[in-house]
Amino acid sequence: MTSRNGQLTAVVLCLVIFSCSHDNSTSTRANPYRGDWSIAFTGGFVGYASMVIDDNGQFFNEIALDGNSGSLTITGTVTVNGAVEAQILKDLSHIGSMNASLTHSGGSGTWQTNDGKAGTCRIYPIYY
């Protein structure tokens, strides 16, 4: 009877060990803010940009400036918590930065350039 109890204990122990095991692989989830957004800049310059956030929370898009003033580029990241950090570029040289907070219904923040221009930005989801 002792041998049978030992076997039963071993079987139960194996079942417990294997049923409690889990997959330690790191699964990557898409950034919850991925998709198409629109940014409106006001203040030291006025402009608009489409912001396409990829699965990793990264974006790189052109800012169309009002008044035939040319364009700038914005590149940055959005964290899974909605924090937006971006660099403003002209001819691929850093000229400023933008920080904003994003929710699924939109967001807002501030921007500033190295030459002292500053303003606010509003971010809107684009629904299709």
Foldseek 3Di string as FASTA:
>chain_A
DVVVVVVVVVVVVVVVVVVPDDDPDDDQFFQPQAAWKKKFWDWLWTWIWIWGQGRQFWTKTWTGTPDPPGIWIKIWGAHSQFWTKIFIGDVNHTFWIWIWGADNAWIKTKIAGPVGTITMMIMGHDDD
